[in-house]
Structure formats: C-alpha cells, structure tokens
PDB file of N, CA and C in Angstrom:
ATOM      1  N   MET A   1      15.663 -18.859  -6.284  1.00  0.00           N
ATOM      2  CA  MET A   1      14.627 -17.992  -6.700  1.00  0.00           C
ATOM      3  C   MET A   1      13.851 -17.092  -5.540  1.00  0.00           C
ATOM      4  N   ASN A   2      13.983 -15.784  -5.858  1.00  0.00           N
ATOM      5  CA  ASN A   2      13.404 -15.039  -4.834  1.00  0.00           C
ATOM      6  C   ASN A   2      11.858 -15.260  -4.955  1.00  0.00           C
ATOM      7  N   HIS A   3      10.993 -15.239  -4.009  1.00  0.00           N
ATOM      8  CA  HIS A   3       9.532 -15.297  -3.856  1.00  0.00           C
ATOM      9  C   HIS A   3       8.938 -13.586  -3.936  1.00  0.00           C
ATOM     10  N   TYR A   4       7.776 -13.621  -4.367  1.00  0.00           N
ATOM     11  CA  TYR A   4       7.196 -12.441  -4.514  1.00  0.00           C
ATOM     12  C   TYR A   4       6.893 -12.412  -3.015  1.00  0.00           C
ATOM     13  N   GLN A   5       6.701 -11.215  -2.379  1.00  0.00           N
ATOM     14  CA  GLN A   5       6.471 -10.892  -1.041  1.00  0.00           C
ATOM     15  C   GLN A   5       5.696  -9.108  -0.999  1.00  0.00           C
ATOM     16  N   GLN A   6       4.123  -9.156  -0.711  1.00  0.00           N
ATOM     17  CA  GLN A   6       3.794  -7.798  -1.005  1.00  0.00           C
ATOM     18  C   GLN A   6       4.438  -7.320   0.359  1.00  0.00           C
ATOM     19  N   LEU A   7       4.271  -5.724  -0.058  1.00  0.00           N
ATOM     20  CA  LEU A   7       4.622  -4.754   1.030  1.00  0.00           C
ATOM     21  C   LEU A   7       3.723  -4.652   2.157  1.00  0.00           C
ATOM     22  N   THR A   8       4.329  -4.734   3.241  1.00  0.00           N
ATOM     23  CA  THR A   8       3.411  -4.295   4.729  1.00  0.00           C
ATOM     24  C   THR A   8       2.649  -2.626   4.731  1.00  0.00           C
ATOM     25  N   LYS A   9       1.863  -2.548   5.346  1.00  0.00           N
ATOM     26  CA  LYS A   9       1.410  -1.467   5.767  1.00  0.00           C
ATOM     27  C   LYS A   9       2.443  -0.129   6.111  1.00  0.00           C
ATOM     28  N   GLU A  10       3.261  -0.935   7.096  1.00  0.00           N
ATOM     29  CA  GLU A  10       4.425   0.128   7.331  1.00  0.00           C
ATOM     30  C   GLU A  10       5.280   0.017   6.253  1.00  0.00           C
ATOM     31  N   GLN A  11       5.877  -0.711   5.550  1.00  0.00           N
ATOM     32  CA  GLN A  11       6.367  -0.694   4.624  1.00  0.00           C
ATOM     33  C   GLN A  11       6.160   0.543   3.558  1.00  0.00           C
ATOM     34  N   ARG A  12       4.897   0.615   3.141  1.00  0.00           N
ATOM     35  CA  ARG A  12       4.439   1.765   2.467  1.00  0.00           C
ATOM     36  C   ARG A  12       4.379   3.115   3.039  1.00  0.00           C
ATOM     37  N   TYR A  13       3.883   3.058   4.375  1.00  0.00           N
ATOM     38  CA  TYR A  13       4.152   4.398   4.757  1.00  0.00           C
ATOM     39  C   TYR A  13       5.826   4.906   4.776  1.00  0.00           C
ATOM     40  N   GLN A  14       6.846   4.048   5.452  1.00  0.00           N
ATOM     41  CA  GLN A  14       7.829   4.264   4.942  1.00  0.00           C
ATOM     42  C   GLN A  14       8.507   4.697   3.988  1.00  0.00           C
ATOM     43  N   ILE A  15       7.970   4.234   2.888  1.00  0.00           N
ATOM     44  CA  ILE A  15       8.356   4.323   1.382  1.00  0.00           C
ATOM     45  C   ILE A  15       7.790   6.177   1.413  1.00  0.00           C
ATOM     46  N   TYR A  16       6.620   6.491   1.800  1.00  0.00           N
ATOM     47  CA  TYR A  16       5.842   7.804   1.515  1.00  0.00           C
ATOM     48  C   TYR A  16       7.016   8.745   2.271  1.00  0.00           C
ATOM     49  N   GLY A  17       7.148   8.414   3.757  1.00  0.00           N
ATOM     50  CA  GLY A  17       8.128   8.948   4.745  1.00  0.00           C
ATOM     51  C   GLY A  17       9.759   9.470   4.063  1.00  0.00           C
ATOM     52  N   LEU A  18      10.206   8.460   3.542  1.00  0.00           N
ATOM     53  CA  LEU A  18      11.534   8.468   3.032  1.00  0.00           C
ATOM     54  C   LEU A  18      11.463   9.556   1.713  1.00  0.00           C
ATOM     55  N   ARG A  19      10.359   9.149   1.038  1.00  0.00           N
ATOM     56  CA  ARG A  19      10.511  10.333  -0.429  1.00  0.00           C
ATOM     57  C   ARG A  19      10.090  11.438   0.148  1.00  0.00           C
ATOM     58  N   LYS A  20       9.476  11.825   1.207  1.00  0.00           N
ATOM     59  CA  LYS A  20       9.233  13.145   1.556  1.00  0.00           C
ATOM     60  C   LYS A  20      10.368  13.628   1.947  1.00  0.00           C
ATOM     61  N   ALA A  21      11.309  12.895   2.685  1.00  0.00           N
ATOM     62  CA  ALA A  21      12.961  13.238   2.999  1.00  0.00           C
ATOM     63  C   ALA A  21      13.686  13.428   2.048  1.00  0.00           C
ATOM     64  N   TRP A  22      13.206  13.440   1.088  1.00  0.00           N
ATOM     65  CA  TRP A  22      14.316  13.524  -0.392  1.00  0.00           C
ATOM     66  C   TRP A  22      15.112  12.407  -0.585  1.00  0.00           C
ATOM     67  N   PHE A  23      14.842  11.044   0.090  1.00  0.00           N
ATOM     68  CA  PHE A  23      15.610   9.684  -0.364  1.00  0.00           C
ATOM     69  C   PHE A  23      14.786   9.292  -1.912  1.00  0.00           C
ATOM     70  N   ASN A  24      16.192   8.870  -2.713  1.00  0.00           N
ATOM     71  CA  ASN A  24      15.794   8.658  -4.092  1.00  0.00           C
ATOM     72  C   ASN A  24      15.068   6.992  -3.756  1.00  0.00           C
ATOM     73  N   GLN A  25      14.739   6.353  -4.940  1.00  0.00           N
ATOM     74  CA  GLN A  25      14.357   5.103  -5.104  1.00  0.00           C
ATOM     75  C   GLN A  25      15.380   4.035  -4.103  1.00  0.00           C
ATOM     76  N   THR A  26      16.458   3.946  -4.670  1.00  0.00           N
ATOM     77  CA  THR A  26      17.422   3.112  -4.089  1.00  0.00           C
ATOM     78  C   THR A  26      17.797   3.250  -2.975  1.00  0.00           C
ATOM     79  N   GLU A  27      17.777   4.288  -2.755  1.00  0.00           N
ATOM     80  CA  GLU A  27      18.071   4.731  -0.796  1.00  0.00           C
ATOM     81  C   GLU A  27      16.594   4.107  -0.211  1.00  0.00           C
ATOM     82  N   THR A  28      15.671   4.490  -0.380  1.00  0.00           N
ATOM     83  CA  THR A  28      14.522   4.037  -0.139  1.00  0.00           C
ATOM     84  C   THR A  28      14.267   2.578   0.028  1.00  0.00           C
ATOM     85  N   ALA A  29      14.831   1.907  -0.962  1.00  0.00           N
ATOM     86  CA  ALA A  29      14.544   0.276  -1.112  1.00  0.00           C
ATOM     87  C   ALA A  29      15.742  -0.495  -0.316  1.00  0.00           C
ATOM     88  N   ASN A  30      16.745   0.486   0.055  1.00  0.00           N
ATOM     89  CA  ASN A  30      18.185   0.141   1.132  1.00  0.00           C
ATOM     90  C   ASN A  30      17.502   0.207   2.537  1.00  0.00           C
ATOM     91  N   GLU A  31      16.899   1.393   2.593  1.00  0.00           N
ATOM     92  CA  GLU A  31      16.379   1.470   3.846  1.00  0.00           C
ATOM     93  C   GLU A  31      15.419   0.752   4.390  1.00  0.00           C
ATOM     94  N   ILE A  32      14.265  -0.045   3.753  1.00  0.00           N
ATOM     95  CA  ILE A  32      13.784  -0.751   4.019  1.00  0.00           C
ATOM     96  C   ILE A  32      13.717  -1.987   3.897  1.00  0.00           C
ATOM     97  N   GLY A  33      14.668  -2.434   3.106  1.00  0.00           N
ATOM     98  CA  GLY A  33      15.175  -3.720   2.842  1.00  0.00           C
ATOM     99  C   GLY A  33      14.333  -4.409   1.684  1.00  0.00           C
ATOM    100  N   VAL A  34      13.725  -3.793   0.522  1.00  0.00           N
ATOM    101  CA  VAL A  34      13.205  -4.356  -0.236  1.00  0.00           C
ATOM    102  C   VAL A  34      13.979  -4.347  -1.669  1.00  0.00           C
ATOM    103  N   ASN A  35      13.339  -4.585  -3.123  1.00  0.00           N
ATOM    104  CA  ASN A  35      14.164  -4.449  -4.003  1.00  0.00           C
ATOM    105  C   ASN A  35      13.514  -2.894  -4.910  1.00  0.00           C
ATOM    106  N   LYS A  36      14.520  -2.118  -5.289  1.00  0.00           N
ATOM    107  CA  LYS A  36      13.690  -0.769  -5.882  1.00  0.00           C
ATOM    108  C   LYS A  36      12.663  -1.060  -6.877  1.00  0.00           C
ATOM    109  N   SER A  37      12.607  -1.819  -7.541  1.00  0.00           N
ATOM    110  CA  SER A  37      11.497  -1.827  -8.226  1.00  0.00           C
ATOM    111  C   SER A  37      10.328  -2.057  -7.684  1.00  0.00           C
ATOM    112  N   ALA A  38      10.280  -2.540  -6.363  1.00  0.00           N
ATOM    113  CA  ALA A  38       9.077  -2.834  -5.379  1.00  0.00           C
ATOM    114  C   ALA A  38       8.711  -1.220  -5.244  1.00  0.00           C
ATOM    115  N   VAL A  39       9.766  -0.553  -4.571  1.00  0.00           N
ATOM    116  CA  VAL A  39       9.480   0.978  -4.364  1.00  0.00           C
ATOM    117  C   VAL A  39       8.774   1.728  -5.677  1.00  0.00           C
ATOM    118  N   CYS A  40       9.385   1.575  -6.770  1.00  0.00           N
ATOM    119  CA  CYS A  40       8.908   2.130  -7.835  1.00  0.00           C
ATOM    120  C   CYS A  40       7.528   1.934  -8.374  1.00  0.00           C
ATOM    121  N   ARG A  41       6.878   0.422  -8.441  1.00  0.00           N
ATOM    122  CA  ARG A  41       5.644   0.356  -8.487  1.00  0.00           C
ATOM    123  C   ARG A  41       4.787   0.977  -7.669  1.00  0.00           C
ATOM    124  N   GLU A  42       5.293   0.911  -6.339  1.00  0.00           N
ATOM    125  CA  GLU A  42       4.390   1.514  -4.944  1.00  0.00           C
ATOM    126  C   GLU A  42       4.204   3.041  -5.246  1.00  0.00           C
ATOM    127  N   LEU A  43       4.900   3.702  -5.878  1.00  0.00           N
ATOM    128  CA  LEU A  43       5.077   5.257  -6.085  1.00  0.00           C
ATOM    129  C   LEU A  43       4.406   5.249  -7.307  1.00  0.00           C
ATOM    130  N   ARG A  44       4.751   4.358  -8.187  1.00  0.00           N
ATOM    131  CA  ARG A  44       3.428   4.699  -9.660  1.00  0.00           C
ATOM    132  C   ARG A  44       2.108   4.088  -9.087  1.00  0.00           C
ATOM    133  N   ARG A  45       1.846   3.138  -8.285  1.00  0.00           N
ATOM    134  CA  ARG A  45       0.275   3.119  -8.086  1.00  0.00           C
ATOM    135  C   ARG A  45      -0.138   4.342  -7.050  1.00  0.00           C
ATOM    136  N   ASN A  46       0.500   4.776  -6.113  1.00  0.00           N
ATOM    137  CA  ASN A  46      -0.120   5.882  -5.673  1.00  0.00           C
ATOM    138  C   ASN A  46       0.029   7.472  -6.292  1.00  0.00           C
ATOM    139  N   ARG A  47       0.582   7.215  -7.351  1.00  0.00           N
ATOM    140  CA  ARG A  47       0.705   8.798  -8.066  1.00  0.00           C
ATOM    141  C   ARG A  47      -0.716   9.607  -8.229  1.00  0.00           C
ATOM    142  N   GLY A  48      -1.557   8.829  -8.294  1.00  0.00           N
ATOM    143  CA  GLY A  48      -2.917   9.695  -8.604  1.00  0.00           C
ATOM    144  C   GLY A  48      -3.419  10.105  -7.355  1.00  0.00           C
ATOM    145  N   ASN A  49      -3.139   9.717  -6.391  1.00  0.00           N
ATOM    146  CA  ASN A  49      -3.104  10.585  -4.880  1.00  0.00           C
ATOM    147  C   ASN A  49      -2.687  11.926  -4.772  1.00  0.00           C
ATOM    148  N   GLU A  50      -3.587  12.808  -4.053  1.00  0.00           N
ATOM    149  CA  GLU A  50      -3.284  14.346  -3.689  1.00  0.00           C
ATOM    150  C   GLU A  50      -1.761  14.018  -3.123  1.00  0.00           C
ATOM    151  N   ASP A  51      -1.834  13.476  -2.403  1.00  0.00           N
ATOM    152  CA  ASP A  51      -0.271  13.551  -1.556  1.00  0.00           C
ATOM    153  C   ASP A  51       0.639  12.263  -1.518  1.00  0.00           C
ATOM    154  N   GLY A  52       0.297  11.565  -2.397  1.00  0.00           N
ATOM    155  CA  GLY A  52       0.816  10.196  -2.577  1.00  0.00           C
ATOM    156  C   GLY A  52       0.715   9.090  -1.703  1.00  0.00           C
ATOM    157  N   VAL A  53      -0.224   9.099  -0.402  1.00  0.00           N
ATOM    158  CA  VAL A  53      -0.241   8.353   0.493  1.00  0.00           C
ATOM    159  C   VAL A  53      -0.748   6.851  -0.078  1.00  0.00           C
ATOM    160  N   PRO A  54      -0.190   6.001   0.596  1.00  0.00           N
ATOM    161  CA  PRO A  54      -1.143   4.698   0.321  1.00  0.00           C
ATOM    162  C   PRO A  54      -2.729   4.950   0.723  1.00  0.00           C
ATOM    163  N   SER A  55      -3.646   4.975  -0.004  1.00  0.00           N
ATOM    164  CA  SER A  55      -4.842   4.647   0.510  1.00  0.00           C
ATOM    165  C   SER A  55      -5.829   3.516   0.327  1.00  0.00           C
ATOM    166  N   ARG A  56      -6.634   3.212   1.219  1.00  0.00           N
ATOM    167  CA  ARG A  56      -7.667   2.372   1.190  1.00  0.00           C
ATOM    168  C   ARG A  56      -8.249   1.963  -0.206  1.00  0.00           C
ATOM    169  N   LYS A  57      -9.001   3.472  -0.732  1.00  0.00           N
ATOM    170  CA  LYS A  57      -9.818   3.862  -1.804  1.00  0.00           C
ATOM    171  C   LYS A  57      -8.937   3.080  -2.784  1.00  0.00           C
ATOM    172  N   ARG A  58      -7.630   3.084  -3.473  1.00  0.00           N
ATOM    173  CA  ARG A  58      -7.013   2.416  -4.561  1.00  0.00           C
ATOM    174  C   ARG A  58      -7.267   1.081  -4.083  1.00  0.00           C
ATOM    175  N   ARG A  59      -7.250   0.590  -3.003  1.00  0.00           N
ATOM    176  CA  ARG A  59      -7.233  -0.981  -3.014  1.00  0.00           C
ATOM    177  C   ARG A  59      -8.466  -1.277  -3.107  1.00  0.00           C
ATOM    178  N   GLN A  60      -9.642  -0.656  -2.627  1.00  0.00           N
ATOM    179  CA  GLN A  60     -11.102  -1.002  -3.061  1.00  0.00           C
ATOM    180  C   GLN A  60     -11.248  -0.815  -4.664  1.00  0.00           C
ATOM    181  N   GLN A  61     -10.935   0.086  -5.329  1.00  0.00           N
ATOM    182  CA  GLN A  61     -11.015   0.259  -6.579  1.00  0.00           C
ATOM    183  C   GLN A  61     -10.443  -0.957  -7.392  1.00  0.00           C
ATOM    184  N   VAL A  62      -9.378  -1.530  -7.148  1.00  0.00           N
ATOM    185  CA  VAL A  62      -8.619  -2.591  -7.722  1.00  0.00           C
ATOM    186  C   VAL A  62      -8.990  -4.046  -7.419  1.00  0.00           C
ATOM    187  N   CYS A  63      -9.878  -4.266  -5.972  1.00  0.00           N
ATOM    188  CA  CYS A  63      -9.819  -5.148  -5.159  1.00  0.00           C
ATOM    189  C   CYS A  63     -11.210  -6.303  -5.773  1.00  0.00           C
ATOM    190  N   ASN A  64     -10.780  -7.252  -6.823  1.00  0.00           N
ATOM    191  CA  ASN A  64     -12.166  -7.796  -7.344  1.00  0.00           C
ATOM    192  C   ASN A  64     -12.925  -8.635  -6.336  1.00  0.00           C
ATOM    193  N   HIS A  65     -12.369  -9.233  -5.537  1.00  0.00           N
ATOM    194  CA  HIS A  65     -13.192  -9.657  -4.470  1.00  0.00           C
ATOM    195  C   HIS A  65     -14.262  -9.243  -3.758  1.00  0.00           C
ATOM    196  N   ALA A  66     -13.963  -7.972  -3.569  1.00  0.00           N
ATOM    197  CA  ALA A  66     -15.138  -6.621  -2.851  1.00  0.00           C
ATOM    198  C   ALA A  66     -16.297  -6.363  -3.807  1.00  0.00           C
ATOM    199  N   LYS A  67     -16.007  -6.943  -4.952  1.00  0.00           N
ATOM    200  CA  LYS A  67     -17.439  -6.334  -6.193  1.00  0.00           C
ATOM    201  C   LYS A  67     -18.597  -7.434  -5.776  1.00  0.00           C
ATOM    202  N   GLY A  68     -18.466  -8.605  -4.978  1.00  0.00           N
ATOM    203  CA  GLY A  68     -19.334  -9.394  -4.737  1.00  0.00           C
ATOM    204  C   GLY A  68     -20.270  -8.957  -3.340  1.00  0.00           C
ATOM    205  N   LEU A  69     -19.197  -8.226  -2.496  1.00  0.00           N
ATOM    206  CA  LEU A  69     -20.072  -7.664  -1.425  1.00  0.00           C
ATOM    207  C   LEU A  69     -21.200  -6.727  -1.416  1.00  0.00           C
ATOM    208  N   ASP A  70     -22.173  -6.420  -0.675  1.00  0.00           N
ATOM    209  CA  ASP A  70     -23.135  -5.586  -0.233  1.00  0.00           C
ATOM    210  C   ASP A  70     -22.628  -4.493   0.251  1.00  0.00           C
ATOM    211  N   ARG A  71     -23.124  -3.290  -0.066  1.00  0.00           N
ATOM    212  CA  ARG A  71     -22.903  -2.167   0.823  1.00  0.00           C
ATOM    213  C   ARG A  71     -23.012  -2.473   2.412  1.00  0.00           C
ATOM    214  N   GLU A  72     -23.862  -3.430   3.141  1.00  0.00           N
ATOM    215  CA  GLU A  72     -23.620  -3.398   4.477  1.00  0.00           C
ATOM    216  C   GLU A  72     -22.849  -4.241   4.846  1.00  0.00           C
ATOM    217  N   ALA A  73     -22.478  -5.174   4.318  1.00  0.00           N
ATOM    218  CA  ALA A  73     -21.221  -6.184   4.516  1.00  0.00           C
ATOM    219  C   ALA A  73     -19.836  -5.554   3.795  1.00  0.00           C
ATOM    220  N   TRP A  74     -19.629  -4.441   2.901  1.00  0.00           N
ATOM    221  CA  TRP A  74     -18.683  -3.947   2.877  1.00  0.00           C
ATOM    222  C   TRP A  74     -18.240  -2.896   4.098  1.00  0.00           C
ATOM    223  N   ASN A  75     -19.314  -2.223   4.534  1.00  0.00           N
ATOM    224  CA  ASN A  75     -19.094  -1.344   5.611  1.00  0.00           C
ATOM    225  C   ASN A  75     -18.283  -2.435   6.876  1.00  0.00           C
ATOM    226  N   LYS A  76     -19.175  -3.467   6.991  1.00  0.00           N
ATOM    227  CA  LYS A  76     -18.230  -4.224   8.193  1.00  0.00           C
ATOM    228  C   LYS A  76     -16.833  -4.334   7.966  1.00  0.00           C
ATOM    229  N   VAL A  77     -16.794  -5.135   6.706  1.00  0.00           N
ATOM    230  CA  VAL A  77     -15.138  -5.076   6.469  1.00  0.00           C
ATOM    231  C   VAL A  77     -14.312  -4.180   6.648  1.00  0.00           C
ATOM    232  N   ASP A  78     -14.792  -2.955   6.025  1.00  0.00           N
ATOM    233  CA  ASP A  78     -14.032  -1.664   6.248  1.00  0.00           C
ATOM    234  C   ASP A  78     -13.842  -1.174   7.771  1.00  0.00           C
ATOM    235  N   GLY A  79     -15.061  -1.402   8.584  1.00  0.00           N
ATOM    236  CA  GLY A  79     -14.912  -0.943   9.898  1.00  0.00           C
ATOM    237  C   GLY A  79     -13.605  -1.943  10.554  1.00  0.00           C
ATOM    238  N   LEU A  80     -13.520  -3.234  10.322  1.00  0.00           N
ATOM    239  CA  LEU A  80     -12.611  -4.060  10.741  1.00  0.00           C
ATOM    240  C   LEU A  80     -11.183  -3.793  10.352  1.00  0.00           C
ATOM    241  N   ILE A  81     -11.067  -3.778   9.009  1.00  0.00           N
ATOM    242  CA  ILE A  81      -9.707  -3.045   8.644  1.00  0.00           C
ATOM    243  C   ILE A  81      -9.510  -1.949   9.404  1.00  0.00           C
ATOM    244  N   ARG A  82     -10.266  -1.239   9.211  1.00  0.00           N
ATOM    245  CA  ARG A  82      -9.459   0.377  10.294  1.00  0.00           C
ATOM    246  C   ARG A  82      -9.184   0.067  11.681  1.00  0.00           C
ATOM    247  N   GLN A  83      -9.954  -1.016  12.255  1.00  0.00           N
ATOM    248  CA  GLN A  83      -9.528  -1.525  13.665  1.00  0.00           C
ATOM    249  C   GLN A  83      -8.229  -2.125  13.619  1.00  0.00           C
ATOM    250  N   ASP A  84      -7.625  -2.112  12.448  1.00  0.00           N
ATOM    251  CA  ASP A  84      -6.324  -3.084  12.208  1.00  0.00           C
ATOM    252  C   ASP A  84      -6.666  -4.764  12.711  1.00  0.00           C
ATOM    253  N   MET A  85      -7.732  -5.102  12.200  1.00  0.00           N
ATOM    254  CA  MET A  85      -8.037  -6.449  12.163  1.00  0.00           C
ATOM    255  C   MET A  85      -7.902  -7.211  10.718  1.00  0.00           C
ATOM    256  N   SER A  86      -7.105  -6.632   9.944  1.00  0.00           N
ATOM    257  CA  SER A  86      -7.031  -7.139   8.785  1.00  0.00           C
ATOM    258  C   SER A  86      -6.073  -8.731   8.668  1.00  0.00           C
ATOM    259  N   PRO A  87      -6.122  -9.084   7.540  1.00  0.00           N
ATOM    260  CA  PRO A  87      -5.492 -10.553   7.359  1.00  0.00           C
ATOM    261  C   PRO A  87      -4.152 -10.305   7.674  1.00  0.00           C
ATOM    262  N   GLU A  88      -3.486  -9.049   7.335  1.00  0.00           N
ATOM    263  CA  GLU A  88      -2.060  -8.690   7.654  1.00  0.00           C
ATOM    264  C   GLU A  88      -1.430  -9.477   8.644  1.00  0.00           C
TER     265      GLU A  88
END
C-alpha cells in the first residue's frame, strides 16, 4: 500500500513550469515522479490564482493552525518561512 506524501515546494514549482512548457498532466507527473492525480489536485488548488503559481496566501487561508495565532506571531512565522526555515 502506498502512503500519502505531500508535494514539496520544488515539486509544486516544477508542476507550474512544466505546465507552462505545455506538458500535459500525465507527462508532468512522470517527469517529477508523482501520480497524475497529485498533479491534478495541485492544479485545481491553484486555479484561482492569477498565474497559477502556488502561493502562501492559499496556504494561510486553509491552515487551521494559523487561526490561533495573533498578528505579531503570524508575522514572525511568515518571516521564518520566507527565510526557508520551514519544517519541510
């Protein structure tokens, strides 16, 4: 049985780049080594963005853990993420 594994930030940007290069979902999935349904889900999640690029804003909107943080704490967390100090 396969275990679910989240896409990395790099894989998300690869999906974006390959789609800009006119790769279809199957070709994109094969290129980065994930299931084509993962590519489909990622594209669907970012469909509302102007350019389709994965964004932190979408992540902030759906993150339930962030609801308990005040503005000052969230700004500190966001600053650390921008410095690539995320748990990934």
